[in-house]
Amino acid sequence: MAIVKSKLLKQLQKSYPNFLKKDLEKMVSVILNEIKLALKRGDRCELRNFGIFYPKTQRARISRNPATGEKINTPEKRTINFKMSKEMFKKLNNDE
């Protein structure tokens, strides 16, 4: 099950009832936008005790269409990778 922005905002509202909903929305939007801009520039984005988002460039290659067997030229592209922190790994695996 994936978490969506609206569910994240509801959880933040429960955790911080003294903040206004519009302030929480603005804060989450600013954080996500800054992560997006950093990745677009080619920088990595580190969130302590959570993980690191970083861009990676895949080289151009010749791939194959599995349905027809036809060779296809795949251009170079950028992807986003995520590496979780040791603390997050321990929490997910109940190694606390």
N, C-alpha and C. Protein backbone atom coordinates (compact mmCIF):
# COMPACT_ATOMS: atom_id res chain seq x y z
N MET A 1 0.84 -1.17 0.00
CA MET A 1 0.00 0.00 0.00
C MET A 1 0.89 1.24 0.00
N ALA A 2 0.66 2.13 -0.91
CA ALA A 2 1.44 3.35 -1.02
C ALA A 2 0.80 4.46 -0.20
N ILE A 3 1.62 5.39 0.22
CA ILE A 3 1.08 6.54 0.93
C ILE A 3 0.97 7.69 -0.05
N VAL A 4 -0.15 8.37 0.00
CA VAL A 4 -0.37 9.51 -0.88
C VAL A 4 -0.31 10.78 -0.04
N LYS A 5 -0.18 11.90 -0.73
CA LYS A 5 0.00 13.17 -0.05
C LYS A 5 -1.15 13.47 0.92
N SER A 6 -2.38 13.16 0.52
CA SER A 6 -3.53 13.45 1.39
C SER A 6 -3.48 12.62 2.69
N LYS A 7 -3.05 11.37 2.60
CA LYS A 7 -2.93 10.54 3.81
C LYS A 7 -1.80 11.05 4.70
N LEU A 8 -0.73 11.50 4.09
CA LEU A 8 0.37 12.07 4.85
C LEU A 8 -0.08 13.32 5.59
N LEU A 9 -0.86 14.16 4.93
CA LEU A 9 -1.38 15.36 5.57
C LEU A 9 -2.33 15.03 6.72
N LYS A 10 -3.17 14.03 6.55
CA LYS A 10 -4.07 13.62 7.64
C LYS A 10 -3.29 13.14 8.85
N GLN A 11 -2.23 12.37 8.60
CA GLN A 11 -1.40 11.88 9.70
C GLN A 11 -0.68 13.03 10.40
N LEU A 12 -0.20 14.00 9.62
CA LEU A 12 0.44 15.16 10.22
C LEU A 12 -0.55 15.99 11.04
N GLN A 13 -1.79 16.09 10.57
CA GLN A 13 -2.81 16.82 11.31
C GLN A 13 -3.11 16.14 12.65
N LYS A 14 -3.11 14.80 12.65
CA LYS A 14 -3.32 14.08 13.91
C LYS A 14 -2.15 14.30 14.87
N SER A 15 -0.94 14.27 14.33
CA SER A 15 0.25 14.41 15.16
C SER A 15 0.46 15.84 15.64
N TYR A 16 0.08 16.82 14.83
CA TYR A 16 0.28 18.24 15.16
C TYR A 16 -1.04 19.00 15.02
N PRO A 17 -1.96 18.83 15.97
CA PRO A 17 -3.28 19.46 15.85
C PRO A 17 -3.25 20.99 15.96
N ASN A 18 -2.17 21.57 16.51
CA ASN A 18 -2.10 23.01 16.67
C ASN A 18 -1.69 23.74 15.38
N PHE A 19 -1.27 23.00 14.34
CA PHE A 19 -0.94 23.61 13.05
C PHE A 19 -2.19 23.66 12.18
N LEU A 20 -2.30 24.71 11.39
CA LEU A 20 -3.40 24.80 10.44
C LEU A 20 -3.17 23.86 9.27
N LYS A 21 -4.25 23.38 8.69
CA LYS A 21 -4.16 22.44 7.56
C LYS A 21 -3.43 23.07 6.38
N LYS A 22 -3.72 24.34 6.10
CA LYS A 22 -3.07 24.99 4.95
C LYS A 22 -1.57 25.16 5.18
N ASP A 23 -1.15 25.37 6.44
CA ASP A 23 0.27 25.48 6.74
C ASP A 23 0.98 24.14 6.54
N LEU A 24 0.33 23.06 6.97
CA LEU A 24 0.91 21.73 6.76
C LEU A 24 1.00 21.39 5.28
N GLU A 25 -0.04 21.74 4.51
CA GLU A 25 -0.02 21.50 3.06
C GLU A 25 1.13 22.25 2.41
N LYS A 26 1.31 23.50 2.80
CA LYS A 26 2.38 24.33 2.22
C LYS A 26 3.75 23.74 2.57
N MET A 27 3.91 23.31 3.82
CA MET A 27 5.18 22.74 4.26
C MET A 27 5.52 21.47 3.47
N VAL A 28 4.56 20.57 3.33
CA VAL A 28 4.79 19.33 2.60
C VAL A 28 5.09 19.63 1.13
N SER A 29 4.36 20.56 0.54
CA SER A 29 4.59 20.93 -0.86
C SER A 29 5.98 21.51 -1.07
N VAL A 30 6.42 22.36 -0.16
CA VAL A 30 7.75 22.96 -0.26
C VAL A 30 8.84 21.89 -0.16
N ILE A 31 8.68 20.98 0.78
CA ILE A 31 9.69 19.92 0.97
C ILE A 31 9.77 19.03 -0.27
N LEU A 32 8.61 18.58 -0.77
CA LEU A 32 8.61 17.71 -1.95
C LEU A 32 9.14 18.44 -3.18
N ASN A 33 8.81 19.72 -3.31
CA ASN A 33 9.28 20.50 -4.45
C ASN A 33 10.80 20.67 -4.39
N GLU A 34 11.34 20.92 -3.22
CA GLU A 34 12.80 21.07 -3.09
C GLU A 34 13.53 19.76 -3.41
N ILE A 35 12.96 18.64 -3.00
CA ILE A 35 13.55 17.35 -3.35
C ILE A 35 13.55 17.17 -4.86
N LYS A 36 12.43 17.50 -5.49
CA LYS A 36 12.30 17.37 -6.94
C LYS A 36 13.31 18.27 -7.67
N LEU A 37 13.44 19.51 -7.21
CA LEU A 37 14.38 20.44 -7.86
C LEU A 37 15.82 19.99 -7.69
N ALA A 38 16.16 19.48 -6.52
CA ALA A 38 17.53 19.00 -6.28
C ALA A 38 17.86 17.83 -7.21
N LEU A 39 16.92 16.90 -7.37
CA LEU A 39 17.15 15.75 -8.25
C LEU A 39 17.24 16.19 -9.70
N LYS A 40 16.45 17.19 -10.07
CA LYS A 40 16.48 17.71 -11.43
C LYS A 40 17.84 18.34 -11.75
N ARG A 41 18.43 19.01 -10.75
CA ARG A 41 19.76 19.62 -10.92
C ARG A 41 20.86 18.58 -10.95
N GLY A 42 20.56 17.37 -10.50
CA GLY A 42 21.58 16.32 -10.46
C GLY A 42 22.19 16.16 -9.08
N ASP A 43 21.64 16.85 -8.08
CA ASP A 43 22.13 16.75 -6.71
C ASP A 43 21.43 15.60 -5.99
N ARG A 44 22.06 15.11 -4.95
CA ARG A 44 21.41 14.10 -4.13
C ARG A 44 20.69 14.79 -2.99
N CYS A 45 19.69 14.15 -2.45
CA CYS A 45 18.89 14.72 -1.36
C CYS A 45 18.90 13.74 -0.21
N GLU A 46 19.47 14.16 0.91
CA GLU A 46 19.60 13.30 2.08
C GLU A 46 18.63 13.74 3.16
N LEU A 47 17.81 12.82 3.62
CA LEU A 47 16.92 13.05 4.75
C LEU A 47 17.43 12.18 5.89
N ARG A 48 18.00 12.81 6.91
CA ARG A 48 18.64 12.08 7.99
C ARG A 48 17.68 11.09 8.64
N ASN A 49 18.19 9.94 8.96
CA ASN A 49 17.45 8.83 9.58
C ASN A 49 16.32 8.31 8.70
N PHE A 50 16.29 8.68 7.43
CA PHE A 50 15.29 8.16 6.50
C PHE A 50 15.98 7.54 5.30
N GLY A 51 16.74 8.34 4.54
CA GLY A 51 17.43 7.80 3.39
C GLY A 51 17.93 8.88 2.45
N ILE A 52 18.45 8.44 1.31
CA ILE A 52 19.03 9.34 0.32
C ILE A 52 18.37 9.07 -1.03
N PHE A 53 17.91 10.14 -1.68
CA PHE A 53 17.43 10.09 -3.05
C PHE A 53 18.56 10.62 -3.92
N TYR A 54 18.89 9.92 -5.00
CA TYR A 54 19.94 10.42 -5.88
C TYR A 54 19.63 10.04 -7.32
N PRO A 55 20.00 10.95 -8.26
CA PRO A 55 19.77 10.65 -9.67
C PRO A 55 20.87 9.75 -10.22
N LYS A 56 20.51 8.93 -11.17
CA LYS A 56 21.48 8.03 -11.81
C LYS A 56 21.19 8.03 -13.30
N THR A 57 22.23 8.05 -14.11
CA THR A 57 22.07 8.07 -15.56
C THR A 57 22.27 6.66 -16.11
N GLN A 58 21.27 6.18 -16.84
CA GLN A 58 21.41 4.89 -17.52
C GLN A 58 21.95 5.14 -18.92
N ARG A 59 22.95 4.39 -19.31
CA ARG A 59 23.56 4.56 -20.62
C ARG A 59 22.60 4.15 -21.73
N ALA A 60 22.84 4.69 -22.91
CA ALA A 60 22.07 4.27 -24.08
C ALA A 60 22.45 2.83 -24.40
N ARG A 61 21.48 2.06 -24.88
CA ARG A 61 21.76 0.66 -25.15
C ARG A 61 20.81 0.15 -26.24
N ILE A 62 21.11 -1.02 -26.70
CA ILE A 62 20.23 -1.68 -27.66
C ILE A 62 19.47 -2.75 -26.89
N SER A 63 18.14 -2.59 -26.83
CA SER A 63 17.31 -3.56 -26.13
C SER A 63 16.48 -4.35 -27.12
N ARG A 64 15.68 -5.27 -26.61
CA ARG A 64 14.92 -6.16 -27.47
C ARG A 64 13.45 -6.14 -27.06
N ASN A 65 12.56 -6.05 -28.04
CA ASN A 65 11.12 -6.15 -27.79
C ASN A 65 10.80 -7.62 -27.53
N PRO A 66 10.32 -7.96 -26.33
CA PRO A 66 10.10 -9.38 -26.02
C PRO A 66 8.99 -10.02 -26.85
N ALA A 67 8.04 -9.23 -27.34
CA ALA A 67 6.93 -9.79 -28.11
C ALA A 67 7.37 -10.16 -29.53
N THR A 68 8.17 -9.30 -30.16
CA THR A 68 8.54 -9.52 -31.56
C THR A 68 9.99 -9.95 -31.74
N GLY A 69 10.83 -9.70 -30.74
CA GLY A 69 12.25 -10.01 -30.87
C GLY A 69 13.01 -8.93 -31.61
N GLU A 70 12.35 -7.86 -31.98
CA GLU A 70 12.96 -6.75 -32.73
C GLU A 70 13.92 -5.97 -31.82
N LYS A 71 15.08 -5.58 -32.37
CA LYS A 71 16.05 -4.79 -31.61
C LYS A 71 15.61 -3.33 -31.65
N ILE A 72 15.70 -2.68 -30.47
CA ILE A 72 15.27 -1.30 -30.33
C ILE A 72 16.42 -0.51 -29.70
N ASN A 73 16.66 0.68 -30.24
CA ASN A 73 17.68 1.56 -29.68
C ASN A 73 17.06 2.35 -28.53
N THR A 74 17.52 2.10 -27.29
CA THR A 74 17.01 2.79 -26.12
C THR A 74 17.95 3.94 -25.79
N PRO A 75 17.46 5.18 -25.75
CA PRO A 75 18.34 6.33 -25.48
C PRO A 75 18.74 6.41 -24.01
N GLU A 76 19.74 7.24 -23.73
CA GLU A 76 20.17 7.48 -22.37
C GLU A 76 19.04 8.15 -21.59
N LYS A 77 18.89 7.76 -20.31
CA LYS A 77 17.85 8.37 -19.49
C LYS A 77 18.30 8.47 -18.04
N ARG A 78 17.66 9.36 -17.31
CA ARG A 78 17.96 9.56 -15.89
C ARG A 78 16.87 8.91 -15.05
N THR A 79 17.29 8.25 -13.98
CA THR A 79 16.36 7.62 -13.05
C THR A 79 16.66 8.11 -11.64
N ILE A 80 15.75 7.84 -10.72
CA ILE A 80 15.94 8.22 -9.33
C ILE A 80 16.11 6.95 -8.51
N ASN A 81 17.15 6.92 -7.71
CA ASN A 81 17.40 5.79 -6.83
C ASN A 81 17.23 6.24 -5.38
N PHE A 82 16.92 5.29 -4.52
CA PHE A 82 16.74 5.56 -3.09
C PHE A 82 17.52 4.54 -2.30
N LYS A 83 18.27 5.04 -1.32
CA LYS A 83 18.97 4.15 -0.41
C LYS A 83 18.55 4.51 1.01
N MET A 84 17.97 3.54 1.71
CA MET A 84 17.48 3.84 3.06
C MET A 84 18.63 3.88 4.05
N SER A 85 18.41 4.62 5.13
CA SER A 85 19.42 4.73 6.18
C SER A 85 19.44 3.46 7.02
N LYS A 86 20.50 3.32 7.78
CA LYS A 86 20.63 2.16 8.65
C LYS A 86 19.53 2.15 9.71
N GLU A 87 19.17 3.34 10.21
CA GLU A 87 18.11 3.43 11.22
C GLU A 87 16.78 2.96 10.64
N MET A 88 16.46 3.37 9.42
CA MET A 88 15.22 2.96 8.77
C MET A 88 15.22 1.46 8.52
N PHE A 89 16.36 0.93 8.09
CA PHE A 89 16.49 -0.50 7.85
C PHE A 89 16.20 -1.29 9.14
N LYS A 90 16.76 -0.81 10.24
CA LYS A 90 16.55 -1.49 11.53
C LYS A 90 15.09 -1.43 11.95
N LYS A 91 14.44 -0.29 11.74
CA LYS A 91 13.04 -0.15 12.12
C LYS A 91 12.15 -1.06 11.27
N LEU A 92 12.44 -1.15 9.97
CA LEU A 92 11.65 -2.00 9.09
C LEU A 92 11.81 -3.47 9.40
N ASN A 93 12.99 -3.84 9.87
CA ASN A 93 13.28 -5.24 10.14
C ASN A 93 13.19 -5.58 11.63
N ASN A 94 12.64 -4.70 12.42
CA ASN A 94 12.43 -4.91 13.87
C ASN A 94 13.72 -5.28 14.58
N ASP A 95 14.81 -4.64 14.22
CA ASP A 95 16.10 -4.89 14.88
C ASP A 95 16.42 -3.80 15.89
N GLU A 96 15.41 -3.22 16.50
CA GLU A 96 15.64 -2.08 17.40
C GLU A 96 16.33 -2.47 18.66
